[in-house]
N, C-alpha and C. Protein backbone atom coordinates (compact mmCIF):
# COMPACT_ATOMS: atom_id res chain seq x y z
N UNK A 1 0.90 -1.14 -0.03
CA UNK A 1 -0.03 -0.14 -0.01
C UNK A 1 0.89 1.24 -0.03
N UNK A 2 0.47 2.21 -0.76
CA UNK A 2 1.28 3.47 -1.03
C UNK A 2 1.16 4.31 0.45
N UNK A 3 2.12 5.13 0.73
CA UNK A 3 2.00 5.97 1.93
C UNK A 3 0.89 7.11 1.51
N UNK A 4 0.34 7.59 2.42
CA UNK A 4 -0.73 8.67 2.40
C UNK A 4 -0.07 9.76 1.58
N UNK A 5 -0.93 10.33 0.70
CA UNK A 5 -0.55 11.36 -0.16
C UNK A 5 0.23 11.07 -1.40
N UNK A 6 0.68 9.79 -1.56
CA UNK A 6 1.33 9.22 -2.67
C UNK A 6 0.40 8.57 -3.62
N UNK A 7 0.47 9.00 -4.82
CA UNK A 7 -0.47 8.36 -5.86
C UNK A 7 0.22 7.32 -6.67
N UNK A 8 -0.51 6.37 -6.99
CA UNK A 8 -0.01 5.25 -7.91
C UNK A 8 -0.02 5.82 -9.37
N UNK A 9 0.59 5.13 -10.26
CA UNK A 9 0.73 5.66 -11.68
C UNK A 9 -0.64 5.90 -12.29
N UNK A 10 -1.46 5.01 -12.12
CA UNK A 10 -2.85 5.10 -12.74
C UNK A 10 -3.49 6.38 -12.09
N UNK A 11 -3.51 6.60 -10.88
CA UNK A 11 -4.09 7.76 -10.33
C UNK A 11 -3.44 9.07 -10.80
N UNK A 12 -2.10 8.97 -10.98
CA UNK A 12 -1.50 10.22 -11.49
C UNK A 12 -1.90 10.56 -13.00
N UNK A 13 -2.23 9.42 -13.70
CA UNK A 13 -2.62 9.69 -14.98
C UNK A 13 -4.09 10.05 -15.17
N UNK A 14 -4.93 9.53 -14.14
CA UNK A 14 -6.29 9.97 -14.11
C UNK A 14 -6.65 10.10 -12.67
N UNK A 15 -6.43 11.39 -12.21
CA UNK A 15 -6.72 11.73 -10.84
C UNK A 15 -8.13 11.26 -10.45
N UNK A 16 -8.25 10.78 -9.23
CA UNK A 16 -9.74 10.41 -8.76
C UNK A 16 -10.66 11.68 -8.48
N UNK A 17 -11.91 11.45 -8.44
CA UNK A 17 -12.83 12.47 -8.17
C UNK A 17 -13.07 12.40 -6.77
N UNK A 18 -12.48 11.81 -5.91
CA UNK A 18 -12.66 11.73 -4.45
C UNK A 18 -11.45 12.34 -3.76
N UNK A 19 -11.50 12.99 -2.62
CA UNK A 19 -10.56 13.70 -1.91
C UNK A 19 -9.59 12.66 -1.31
N UNK A 20 -10.10 11.61 -0.68
CA UNK A 20 -9.27 10.67 -0.06
C UNK A 20 -9.99 9.40 0.10
N UNK A 21 -9.35 8.26 0.19
CA UNK A 21 -9.78 6.84 0.39
C UNK A 21 -9.14 6.38 1.50
N UNK A 22 -9.84 5.72 2.59
CA UNK A 22 -9.18 5.12 3.75
C UNK A 22 -9.83 3.88 3.85
N UNK A 23 -9.16 2.72 4.36
CA UNK A 23 -9.65 1.40 4.63
C UNK A 23 -9.11 0.87 6.04
N UNK A 24 -9.98 0.02 6.67
CA UNK A 24 -9.63 -0.55 7.86
C UNK A 24 -8.31 -1.44 7.85
N UNK A 25 -8.24 -2.34 6.82
CA UNK A 25 -7.19 -3.29 6.81
C UNK A 25 -7.03 -3.93 5.43
N UNK A 26 -5.98 -4.71 5.38
CA UNK A 26 -5.73 -5.47 4.03
C UNK A 26 -6.63 -6.58 3.90
N UNK A 27 -7.08 -6.82 2.67
CA UNK A 27 -7.99 -7.86 2.41
C UNK A 27 -7.21 -9.18 2.39
N UNK A 28 -7.16 -9.79 3.46
CA UNK A 28 -6.49 -11.01 3.69
C UNK A 28 -6.82 -11.73 5.08
N UNK A 29 -6.54 -13.04 5.08
CA UNK A 29 -6.76 -13.80 6.24
C UNK A 29 -8.13 -13.60 6.88
N UNK A 30 -8.14 -13.22 8.24
CA UNK A 30 -9.48 -13.21 8.93
C UNK A 30 -10.53 -12.19 8.38
N UNK A 31 -9.98 -10.99 8.03
CA UNK A 31 -10.87 -10.08 7.35
C UNK A 31 -11.49 -10.52 5.94
N UNK A 32 -10.69 -11.11 5.20
CA UNK A 32 -11.12 -11.69 3.96
C UNK A 32 -12.13 -12.64 4.18
N UNK A 33 -11.98 -13.55 5.16
CA UNK A 33 -13.17 -14.61 5.34
C UNK A 33 -14.36 -14.01 5.78
N UNK A 34 -14.32 -12.91 6.80
CA UNK A 34 -15.47 -12.27 7.06
C UNK A 34 -16.23 -11.63 6.10
N UNK A 35 -15.49 -10.92 5.27
CA UNK A 35 -16.15 -10.14 4.15
C UNK A 35 -16.88 -11.21 3.24
N UNK A 36 -16.21 -12.32 3.00
CA UNK A 36 -16.78 -13.28 2.05
C UNK A 36 -18.09 -13.83 2.69
N UNK A 37 -18.00 -14.06 4.05
CA UNK A 37 -19.28 -14.58 4.54
C UNK A 37 -20.42 -13.56 4.62
N UNK A 38 -20.05 -12.41 4.90
CA UNK A 38 -21.05 -11.29 4.78
C UNK A 38 -21.68 -11.18 3.40
N UNK A 39 -20.81 -11.20 2.38
CA UNK A 39 -21.15 -10.80 1.01
C UNK A 39 -21.84 -12.07 0.24
N UNK A 40 -21.34 -13.28 0.55
CA UNK A 40 -21.77 -14.39 -0.20
C UNK A 40 -22.51 -15.36 0.58
N UNK A 41 -22.41 -15.56 1.80
CA UNK A 41 -22.99 -16.59 2.70
C UNK A 41 -24.10 -16.22 3.49
N UNK A 42 -24.48 -14.76 3.28
CA UNK A 42 -25.67 -14.24 4.03
C UNK A 42 -25.57 -14.19 5.51
N UNK A 43 -24.30 -14.14 5.93
CA UNK A 43 -24.04 -14.03 7.42
C UNK A 43 -24.13 -12.53 7.76
N UNK A 44 -25.35 -12.01 7.72
CA UNK A 44 -25.55 -10.50 7.94
C UNK A 44 -25.31 -10.17 9.37
N UNK A 45 -25.22 -11.11 10.27
CA UNK A 45 -24.82 -10.69 11.71
C UNK A 45 -23.48 -10.04 11.70
N UNK A 46 -22.62 -10.38 10.78
CA UNK A 46 -21.29 -9.85 10.81
C UNK A 46 -21.12 -8.28 10.48
N UNK A 47 -22.23 -7.75 10.02
CA UNK A 47 -22.35 -6.39 9.70
C UNK A 47 -22.07 -5.53 10.82
N UNK A 48 -22.65 -5.92 12.06
CA UNK A 48 -22.47 -5.06 13.35
C UNK A 48 -20.92 -5.04 13.60
N UNK A 49 -20.25 -6.07 13.90
CA UNK A 49 -18.76 -5.94 14.37
C UNK A 49 -18.01 -5.32 13.13
N UNK A 50 -18.17 -5.60 11.94
CA UNK A 50 -17.37 -5.11 10.82
C UNK A 50 -17.83 -3.69 10.65
N UNK A 51 -18.98 -3.31 10.96
CA UNK A 51 -19.41 -1.92 10.91
C UNK A 51 -18.62 -0.97 12.04
N UNK A 52 -18.39 -1.74 13.12
CA UNK A 52 -17.56 -0.91 14.10
C UNK A 52 -16.15 -0.74 13.73
N UNK A 53 -15.71 -1.63 12.96
CA UNK A 53 -14.31 -1.57 12.50
C UNK A 53 -14.20 -0.46 11.30
N UNK A 54 -15.36 -0.31 10.47
CA UNK A 54 -15.47 0.55 9.56
C UNK A 54 -15.47 1.96 10.21
N UNK A 55 -16.28 2.04 11.30
CA UNK A 55 -16.36 3.36 12.03
C UNK A 55 -14.98 3.80 12.47
N UNK A 56 -14.08 2.89 12.95
CA UNK A 56 -12.66 3.30 13.24
C UNK A 56 -12.18 3.82 12.02
N UNK A 57 -12.23 3.34 10.86
CA UNK A 57 -11.74 3.91 9.59
C UNK A 57 -12.24 5.19 9.32
N UNK A 58 -13.49 5.49 9.45
CA UNK A 58 -14.02 6.82 9.18
C UNK A 58 -13.42 7.85 9.98
N UNK A 59 -13.04 7.56 11.29
CA UNK A 59 -12.46 8.49 12.17
C UNK A 59 -11.08 9.02 11.63
N UNK A 60 -10.58 8.33 10.71
CA UNK A 60 -9.35 8.78 10.15
C UNK A 60 -9.41 10.09 9.36
N UNK A 61 -10.78 10.38 9.04
CA UNK A 61 -11.13 11.52 8.24
C UNK A 61 -11.33 12.77 9.07
N UNK A 62 -11.51 12.71 10.42
CA UNK A 62 -11.91 13.68 11.21
C UNK A 62 -11.15 15.01 11.15
N UNK A 63 -9.94 14.92 10.77
CA UNK A 63 -9.03 16.23 10.70
C UNK A 63 -9.25 16.80 9.29
N UNK A 64 -9.87 16.17 8.36
CA UNK A 64 -9.92 16.71 7.05
C UNK A 64 -11.40 16.98 6.44
N UNK A 65 -12.22 15.92 6.84
CA UNK A 65 -13.53 15.92 6.35
C UNK A 65 -14.52 16.70 7.17
N UNK A 66 -15.57 17.16 6.71
CA UNK A 66 -16.70 17.80 7.45
C UNK A 66 -17.21 16.62 8.39
N UNK A 67 -17.44 16.94 9.56
CA UNK A 67 -18.14 15.96 10.40
C UNK A 67 -19.60 15.67 10.03
N UNK A 68 -20.14 16.57 9.36
CA UNK A 68 -21.56 16.47 8.98
C UNK A 68 -21.59 15.82 7.50
N UNK A 69 -21.81 14.69 7.36
CA UNK A 69 -21.56 14.03 6.02
C UNK A 69 -22.94 13.30 5.56
N UNK A 70 -23.18 13.36 4.31
CA UNK A 70 -24.12 12.54 3.74
C UNK A 70 -23.41 11.17 3.42
N UNK A 71 -24.03 10.03 3.76
CA UNK A 71 -23.40 8.82 3.60
C UNK A 71 -24.17 7.96 2.55
N UNK A 72 -23.48 7.42 1.65
CA UNK A 72 -24.13 6.67 0.66
C UNK A 72 -23.20 5.46 0.38
N UNK A 73 -23.80 4.17 0.28
CA UNK A 73 -23.13 3.03 -0.02
C UNK A 73 -23.07 2.85 -1.53
N UNK A 74 -21.97 2.15 -2.03
CA UNK A 74 -21.94 1.87 -3.57
C UNK A 74 -23.17 0.91 -3.68
N UNK A 75 -24.06 1.22 -4.73
CA UNK A 75 -25.24 0.51 -4.83
C UNK A 75 -24.94 -0.91 -5.83
N UNK A 76 -25.81 -1.75 -5.58
CA UNK A 76 -25.72 -3.00 -6.36
C UNK A 76 -26.82 -2.82 -7.48
N UNK A 77 -26.60 -3.57 -8.55
CA UNK A 77 -27.80 -3.56 -9.66
C UNK A 77 -28.77 -4.40 -8.90
N UNK A 78 -30.03 -3.91 -9.10
CA UNK A 78 -31.25 -4.50 -8.42
C UNK A 78 -31.23 -6.03 -8.58
N UNK A 79 -30.98 -6.55 -9.80
CA UNK A 79 -31.03 -8.04 -9.90
C UNK A 79 -29.98 -8.65 -9.01
N UNK A 80 -28.79 -8.17 -8.89
CA UNK A 80 -27.78 -8.69 -8.07
C UNK A 80 -28.04 -8.61 -6.51
N UNK A 81 -28.73 -7.49 -6.13
CA UNK A 81 -29.18 -7.34 -4.84
C UNK A 81 -30.27 -8.29 -4.46
N UNK A 82 -31.11 -8.52 -5.34
CA UNK A 82 -32.21 -9.46 -5.14
C UNK A 82 -31.61 -10.90 -4.95
N UNK A 83 -30.71 -11.25 -5.72
CA UNK A 83 -29.87 -12.55 -5.59
C UNK A 83 -29.16 -12.61 -4.23
N UNK A 84 -28.52 -11.58 -3.96
CA UNK A 84 -27.77 -11.67 -2.67
C UNK A 84 -28.57 -11.45 -1.44
N UNK A 85 -29.69 -10.79 -1.47
CA UNK A 85 -30.72 -10.63 -0.36
C UNK A 85 -30.42 -9.31 0.31
N UNK A 86 -29.33 -8.66 -0.02
CA UNK A 86 -29.16 -7.29 0.59
C UNK A 86 -27.92 -6.69 -0.01
N UNK A 87 -27.64 -5.41 0.26
CA UNK A 87 -26.38 -4.82 -0.22
C UNK A 87 -25.62 -4.70 1.08
N UNK A 88 -24.53 -5.51 0.98
CA UNK A 88 -23.55 -5.61 2.20
C UNK A 88 -22.99 -4.23 2.48
N UNK A 89 -22.73 -3.33 1.54
CA UNK A 89 -22.13 -2.15 1.93
C UNK A 89 -23.07 -1.28 2.66
N UNK A 90 -24.49 -1.34 2.29
CA UNK A 90 -25.48 -0.63 3.07
C UNK A 90 -25.51 -1.17 4.54
N UNK A 91 -25.40 -2.38 4.74
CA UNK A 91 -25.44 -2.98 6.11
C UNK A 91 -24.24 -2.40 6.84
N UNK A 92 -22.94 -2.38 6.15
CA UNK A 92 -21.77 -1.88 6.91
C UNK A 92 -21.91 -0.44 7.15
N UNK A 93 -22.52 0.43 6.22
CA UNK A 93 -22.50 1.77 6.45
C UNK A 93 -23.55 2.15 7.59
N UNK A 94 -24.66 1.43 7.60
CA UNK A 94 -25.62 1.72 8.64
C UNK A 94 -25.16 1.27 10.06
N UNK A 95 -24.33 0.22 10.12
CA UNK A 95 -23.77 -0.25 11.44
C UNK A 95 -22.78 0.79 11.87
N UNK A 96 -21.95 1.19 10.86
CA UNK A 96 -20.94 2.26 11.30
C UNK A 96 -21.51 3.55 11.77
N UNK A 97 -22.60 3.90 11.10
CA UNK A 97 -23.36 5.13 11.58
C UNK A 97 -23.79 5.11 12.86
N UNK A 98 -24.56 3.86 13.20
CA UNK A 98 -25.00 3.77 14.61
C UNK A 98 -23.87 3.75 15.62
N UNK A 99 -22.80 3.01 15.24
CA UNK A 99 -21.71 2.98 16.15
C UNK A 99 -21.17 4.33 16.47
N UNK A 100 -20.93 5.33 15.55
CA UNK A 100 -20.41 6.58 15.61
C UNK A 100 -21.46 7.46 16.44
N UNK A 101 -22.74 7.20 16.30
CA UNK A 101 -23.75 8.07 16.88
C UNK A 101 -23.68 7.86 18.39
N UNK A 102 -23.29 6.63 18.87
CA UNK A 102 -23.21 6.38 20.29
C UNK A 102 -21.86 6.62 20.85
N UNK A 103 -20.86 6.58 19.97
CA UNK A 103 -19.44 6.58 20.58
C UNK A 103 -18.90 7.95 20.48
N UNK A 104 -19.17 8.60 19.11
CA UNK A 104 -18.56 9.88 18.83
C UNK A 104 -19.61 10.90 18.35
N UNK A 105 -20.45 11.41 19.17
CA UNK A 105 -21.53 12.24 18.72
C UNK A 105 -21.32 13.39 17.85
N UNK A 106 -20.00 13.82 17.90
CA UNK A 106 -19.49 14.87 16.98
C UNK A 106 -19.73 14.56 15.53
N UNK A 107 -19.83 13.42 15.11
CA UNK A 107 -20.09 12.94 13.84
C UNK A 107 -21.52 13.01 13.57
N UNK A 108 -21.94 13.71 12.58
CA UNK A 108 -23.36 13.80 12.17
C UNK A 108 -23.59 13.27 10.77
N UNK A 109 -23.81 11.92 10.71
CA UNK A 109 -23.75 11.20 9.50
C UNK A 109 -25.25 10.92 9.08
N UNK A 110 -25.54 11.17 7.92
CA UNK A 110 -27.03 11.09 7.40
C UNK A 110 -26.90 9.95 6.17
N UNK A 111 -27.62 8.92 6.31
CA UNK A 111 -27.77 7.93 5.25
C UNK A 111 -28.53 8.44 4.02
N UNK A 112 -28.10 8.21 2.87
CA UNK A 112 -28.79 8.58 1.71
C UNK A 112 -28.59 7.57 0.61
N UNK A 113 -28.65 6.38 0.92
CA UNK A 113 -28.38 5.31 0.09
C UNK A 113 -29.20 5.34 -1.16
N UNK A 114 -30.48 5.55 -1.04
CA UNK A 114 -31.39 5.42 -2.22
C UNK A 114 -31.23 6.59 -3.21
N UNK A 115 -30.40 7.60 -2.87
CA UNK A 115 -30.22 8.64 -3.88
C UNK A 115 -29.11 8.37 -4.93
N UNK A 116 -28.29 7.37 -4.75
CA UNK A 116 -27.38 6.95 -5.73
C UNK A 116 -27.77 5.57 -6.22
N UNK A 117 -27.95 5.39 -7.59
CA UNK A 117 -28.49 4.06 -8.11
C UNK A 117 -27.56 3.50 -9.17
N UNK A 118 -27.59 2.27 -9.20
CA UNK A 118 -26.81 1.53 -10.33
C UNK A 118 -27.73 1.29 -11.50
N UNK A 119 -27.54 1.64 -12.62
CA UNK A 119 -28.37 1.62 -13.72
C UNK A 119 -28.25 0.44 -14.59
N UNK A 120 -27.06 -0.30 -14.57
CA UNK A 120 -26.84 -1.49 -15.41
C UNK A 120 -25.78 -2.48 -14.72
N UNK A 121 -25.92 -3.70 -15.12
CA UNK A 121 -24.91 -4.67 -14.64
C UNK A 121 -23.46 -4.35 -15.38
N UNK A 122 -22.52 -4.69 -14.50
CA UNK A 122 -21.22 -4.37 -15.03
C UNK A 122 -20.32 -5.66 -14.96
N UNK A 123 -19.37 -5.83 -15.94
CA UNK A 123 -18.55 -7.02 -15.82
C UNK A 123 -17.53 -7.07 -14.82
N UNK A 124 -17.03 -8.13 -14.39
CA UNK A 124 -15.94 -8.21 -13.41
C UNK A 124 -14.74 -7.34 -13.93
N UNK A 125 -14.11 -6.72 -13.03
CA UNK A 125 -13.04 -5.76 -13.30
C UNK A 125 -11.64 -6.34 -13.41
N UNK A 126 -11.42 -7.62 -12.67
CA UNK A 126 -10.05 -7.87 -12.36
C UNK A 126 -9.22 -8.14 -13.70
N UNK A 127 -9.64 -8.51 -14.75
CA UNK A 127 -8.93 -8.73 -15.85
C UNK A 127 -8.60 -7.51 -16.77
N UNK A 128 -9.31 -6.39 -16.43
CA UNK A 128 -9.31 -5.28 -17.32
C UNK A 128 -8.10 -4.41 -17.11
N UNK A 129 -7.79 -3.59 -18.12
CA UNK A 129 -6.70 -2.46 -18.04
C UNK A 129 -7.31 -1.40 -17.26
N UNK A 130 -6.57 -0.42 -16.90
CA UNK A 130 -7.07 0.79 -16.11
C UNK A 130 -8.11 1.48 -16.99
N UNK A 131 -7.76 1.58 -18.29
CA UNK A 131 -8.76 2.36 -19.21
C UNK A 131 -9.96 1.36 -19.44
N UNK A 132 -9.86 0.02 -19.40
CA UNK A 132 -11.04 -0.75 -19.56
C UNK A 132 -11.94 -0.66 -18.29
N UNK A 133 -11.32 -0.58 -17.16
CA UNK A 133 -12.14 -0.46 -15.92
C UNK A 133 -12.97 0.57 -15.87
N UNK A 134 -12.44 1.78 -16.39
CA UNK A 134 -13.24 2.99 -16.34
C UNK A 134 -14.39 3.08 -17.32
N UNK A 135 -13.92 2.37 -18.44
CA UNK A 135 -14.97 2.19 -19.64
C UNK A 135 -16.17 1.31 -19.15
N UNK A 136 -15.76 0.21 -18.47
CA UNK A 136 -16.71 -0.63 -18.00
C UNK A 136 -17.84 -0.05 -17.04
N UNK A 137 -17.31 0.87 -16.23
CA UNK A 137 -18.16 1.50 -15.28
C UNK A 137 -18.94 2.83 -15.61
N UNK A 138 -18.44 3.33 -16.80
CA UNK A 138 -18.94 4.63 -17.23
C UNK A 138 -20.43 4.56 -17.44
N UNK A 139 -21.12 5.46 -16.89
CA UNK A 139 -22.63 5.35 -17.00
C UNK A 139 -23.39 4.36 -16.17
N UNK A 140 -22.68 3.74 -15.39
CA UNK A 140 -23.26 2.57 -14.58
C UNK A 140 -24.02 3.07 -13.36
N UNK A 141 -23.69 4.34 -13.00
CA UNK A 141 -24.27 5.06 -11.71
C UNK A 141 -25.11 6.30 -12.00
N UNK A 142 -26.23 6.70 -11.26
CA UNK A 142 -26.72 7.93 -11.61
C UNK A 142 -27.30 8.30 -10.22
N UNK A 143 -27.36 9.58 -10.00
CA UNK A 143 -28.03 10.23 -8.85
C UNK A 143 -29.49 10.45 -9.11
N UNK A 144 -30.38 9.95 -8.24
CA UNK A 144 -31.71 10.01 -8.34
C UNK A 144 -32.23 11.39 -8.15
N UNK A 145 -31.73 12.13 -6.96
CA UNK A 145 -32.10 13.42 -6.70
C UNK A 145 -30.92 14.34 -6.30
N UNK A 146 -30.61 15.09 -7.26
CA UNK A 146 -29.30 15.99 -6.97
C UNK A 146 -29.48 16.86 -5.71
N UNK A 147 -30.63 17.32 -5.27
CA UNK A 147 -30.89 18.10 -4.29
C UNK A 147 -30.22 17.48 -2.98
N UNK A 148 -30.21 16.23 -2.97
CA UNK A 148 -29.64 15.48 -1.72
C UNK A 148 -28.21 15.88 -1.49
N UNK A 149 -27.41 16.02 -2.61
CA UNK A 149 -25.93 16.06 -2.45
C UNK A 149 -25.45 17.45 -2.74
N UNK A 150 -26.36 18.37 -3.23
CA UNK A 150 -25.81 19.72 -3.69
C UNK A 150 -25.28 20.44 -2.57
N UNK A 151 -23.96 20.78 -2.71
CA UNK A 151 -23.16 21.70 -1.78
C UNK A 151 -22.77 20.78 -0.46
N UNK A 152 -23.06 19.46 -0.45
CA UNK A 152 -22.70 18.68 0.75
C UNK A 152 -21.42 17.92 0.52
N UNK A 153 -20.88 17.52 1.55
CA UNK A 153 -19.68 16.61 1.65
C UNK A 153 -20.33 15.19 1.78
N UNK A 154 -19.69 14.26 0.93
CA UNK A 154 -20.38 12.94 0.84
C UNK A 154 -19.30 11.86 1.22
N UNK A 155 -19.78 10.93 2.18
CA UNK A 155 -18.96 9.80 2.42
C UNK A 155 -19.44 8.53 1.77
N UNK A 156 -18.62 7.96 0.77
CA UNK A 156 -18.92 6.80 0.00
C UNK A 156 -18.41 5.71 0.71
N UNK A 157 -19.32 4.65 0.95
CA UNK A 157 -18.91 3.35 1.66
C UNK A 157 -18.96 2.11 0.70
N UNK A 158 -18.04 1.34 0.79
CA UNK A 158 -17.92 0.02 0.04
C UNK A 158 -17.19 -0.98 0.81
N UNK A 159 -17.35 -2.22 0.55
CA UNK A 159 -16.65 -3.17 1.34
C UNK A 159 -15.20 -3.38 1.13
N UNK A 160 -14.90 -3.38 -0.30
CA UNK A 160 -13.51 -3.61 -0.69
C UNK A 160 -13.06 -2.47 -1.64
N UNK A 161 -11.88 -1.90 -1.41
CA UNK A 161 -11.18 -0.99 -2.36
C UNK A 161 -10.14 -1.74 -2.95
N UNK A 162 -10.10 -1.77 -4.43
CA UNK A 162 -9.01 -2.50 -5.04
C UNK A 162 -8.29 -1.47 -6.03
N UNK A 163 -8.77 -1.24 -7.12
CA UNK A 163 -8.31 -0.18 -8.02
C UNK A 163 -8.80 1.27 -7.89
N UNK A 164 -9.85 1.37 -7.18
CA UNK A 164 -10.51 2.66 -7.03
C UNK A 164 -11.39 3.03 -8.22
N UNK A 165 -11.49 2.22 -9.24
CA UNK A 165 -12.34 2.54 -10.46
C UNK A 165 -13.83 2.71 -9.98
N UNK A 166 -14.39 1.78 -9.12
CA UNK A 166 -15.74 1.85 -8.77
C UNK A 166 -16.04 3.13 -7.93
N UNK A 167 -15.07 3.30 -6.87
CA UNK A 167 -15.23 4.59 -6.11
C UNK A 167 -15.09 5.77 -6.94
N UNK A 168 -14.23 5.80 -7.81
CA UNK A 168 -13.98 6.89 -8.63
C UNK A 168 -15.08 7.32 -9.52
N UNK A 169 -15.79 6.35 -10.06
CA UNK A 169 -16.95 6.55 -10.96
C UNK A 169 -18.14 7.16 -10.14
N UNK A 170 -18.30 6.44 -9.01
CA UNK A 170 -19.38 6.93 -8.14
C UNK A 170 -19.06 8.45 -7.55
N UNK A 171 -17.89 8.79 -7.30
CA UNK A 171 -17.47 10.06 -6.84
C UNK A 171 -17.59 10.99 -8.03
N UNK A 172 -17.36 10.62 -9.35
CA UNK A 172 -17.61 11.42 -10.44
C UNK A 172 -19.03 11.88 -10.60
N UNK A 173 -19.80 10.96 -10.45
CA UNK A 173 -21.37 11.18 -10.55
C UNK A 173 -21.84 11.99 -9.46
N UNK A 174 -21.35 11.76 -8.28
CA UNK A 174 -21.73 12.53 -7.06
C UNK A 174 -21.24 14.16 -7.12
N UNK A 175 -20.08 14.17 -7.65
CA UNK A 175 -19.55 15.51 -7.89
C UNK A 175 -20.20 16.26 -9.05
N UNK A 176 -20.71 15.50 -10.03
CA UNK A 176 -21.51 16.11 -11.11
C UNK A 176 -22.79 16.60 -10.52
N UNK A 177 -23.35 15.91 -9.59
CA UNK A 177 -24.68 16.15 -9.00
C UNK A 177 -24.52 17.19 -8.05
N UNK A 178 -23.35 17.84 -7.80
CA UNK A 178 -23.28 19.02 -6.94
C UNK A 178 -22.49 18.80 -5.61
N UNK A 179 -22.13 17.49 -5.28
CA UNK A 179 -21.28 17.31 -4.07
C UNK A 179 -20.19 18.16 -4.02
N UNK A 180 -19.86 18.78 -2.82
CA UNK A 180 -18.69 19.71 -2.64
C UNK A 180 -17.42 18.78 -2.76
N UNK A 181 -17.35 17.68 -1.91
CA UNK A 181 -16.19 16.89 -1.83
C UNK A 181 -16.78 15.40 -1.65
N UNK A 182 -15.93 14.35 -2.00
CA UNK A 182 -16.42 12.84 -1.81
C UNK A 182 -15.25 12.32 -1.12
N UNK A 183 -15.56 11.66 -0.05
CA UNK A 183 -14.61 10.89 0.69
C UNK A 183 -14.95 9.46 0.49
N UNK A 184 -14.02 8.49 0.68
CA UNK A 184 -14.18 6.89 0.59
C UNK A 184 -13.66 6.30 1.72
N UNK A 185 -14.65 5.40 2.29
CA UNK A 185 -14.20 4.56 3.34
C UNK A 185 -14.57 3.14 3.03
N UNK A 186 -13.65 2.20 3.15
CA UNK A 186 -13.94 0.83 2.86
C UNK A 186 -13.39 -0.07 4.11
N UNK A 187 -13.97 -1.30 4.11
CA UNK A 187 -13.50 -2.22 5.06
C UNK A 187 -12.06 -2.72 4.76
N UNK A 188 -11.90 -3.09 3.63
CA UNK A 188 -10.70 -3.75 3.27
C UNK A 188 -10.11 -3.06 1.95
N UNK A 189 -8.79 -3.28 1.91
CA UNK A 189 -7.99 -2.72 0.77
C UNK A 189 -7.33 -4.00 0.14
N UNK A 190 -7.60 -4.32 -1.14
CA UNK A 190 -7.06 -5.46 -1.80
C UNK A 190 -6.00 -5.00 -2.64
N UNK A 191 -5.02 -5.93 -3.02
CA UNK A 191 -4.07 -5.64 -3.93
C UNK A 191 -4.30 -6.12 -5.27
N UNK A 192 -4.27 -5.28 -6.36
CA UNK A 192 -4.67 -5.64 -7.70
C UNK A 192 -3.89 -6.85 -8.07
N UNK A 193 -2.44 -6.97 -7.73
CA UNK A 193 -1.88 -8.24 -8.16
C UNK A 193 -2.25 -9.41 -7.66
N UNK A 194 -2.66 -9.43 -6.36
CA UNK A 194 -3.26 -10.57 -5.80
C UNK A 194 -4.50 -11.07 -6.47
N UNK A 195 -5.36 -10.12 -6.66
CA UNK A 195 -6.70 -10.32 -7.14
C UNK A 195 -6.52 -10.90 -8.64
N UNK A 196 -5.62 -10.60 -9.42
CA UNK A 196 -5.37 -11.06 -10.71
C UNK A 196 -4.80 -12.47 -10.58
N UNK A 197 -4.04 -12.73 -9.67
CA UNK A 197 -3.38 -13.95 -9.40
C UNK A 197 -4.34 -14.99 -8.87
N UNK A 198 -5.45 -14.49 -8.25
CA UNK A 198 -6.51 -15.45 -7.67
C UNK A 198 -7.71 -15.21 -8.28
N UNK A 199 -8.00 -15.39 -9.64
CA UNK A 199 -9.18 -15.13 -10.20
C UNK A 199 -10.41 -15.92 -9.66
N UNK A 200 -10.10 -16.97 -9.11
CA UNK A 200 -11.33 -17.85 -8.51
C UNK A 200 -11.80 -17.14 -7.35
N UNK A 201 -11.06 -16.26 -6.69
CA UNK A 201 -11.68 -15.47 -5.48
C UNK A 201 -12.72 -14.47 -5.97
N UNK A 202 -14.04 -14.80 -5.77
CA UNK A 202 -15.06 -14.01 -6.25
C UNK A 202 -15.10 -12.59 -5.49
N UNK A 203 -14.59 -12.48 -4.36
CA UNK A 203 -14.70 -11.20 -3.59
C UNK A 203 -13.66 -10.33 -4.30
N UNK A 204 -12.32 -10.86 -4.54
CA UNK A 204 -11.35 -10.04 -5.23
C UNK A 204 -11.78 -9.62 -6.52
N UNK A 205 -12.65 -10.27 -7.10
CA UNK A 205 -13.18 -9.87 -8.46
C UNK A 205 -14.09 -8.76 -8.52
N UNK A 206 -14.25 -8.07 -7.33
CA UNK A 206 -15.18 -6.98 -7.14
C UNK A 206 -16.43 -7.10 -7.88
N UNK A 207 -17.16 -8.26 -7.66
CA UNK A 207 -18.35 -8.58 -8.42
C UNK A 207 -19.40 -7.83 -7.66
N UNK A 208 -19.66 -6.65 -7.53
CA UNK A 208 -20.65 -5.88 -6.90
C UNK A 208 -22.03 -6.17 -7.56
């Protein structure tokens, strides 16, 4: 993982539309297994403890972000959400909001998940080039009500951050809708090289 403030070559070539991305830990071992269980085995009870870890991650933004944030989870395509039974990123976001409300009242987080929608299914990202990833996601998200985000700082939540393409496209759409700044918080940070080396890992394939 690169030190804070240092951009990878892809990001230097195409600067992201979000201000900063933070993650609780590396996508490996115990965290990897818990994410997989939440995402694919319908162990929704894991959202509460994992949401507490996500809340710790959000606290990393307290010196730079507005403490009053609109919170939106990366949306799933409706058919995918119906198949899975829920959007794991919404469960994580809501658990983190509840945790911060009781432990750190200075944070004023307002969920607005329904305001960002996924309009089409997208292919798996892992085998694509940086340009291909952006093309795959272009036009996949839309804001249902621009007034929700106009002039506001937004916190985008997802379970895993790998290349930043998904977060970047969501942030682009949010900024276009009038968001002042977009911050990104995820539970895990995956390495692109590992995801490509283990294509059988359905979580690492970022199949939202």
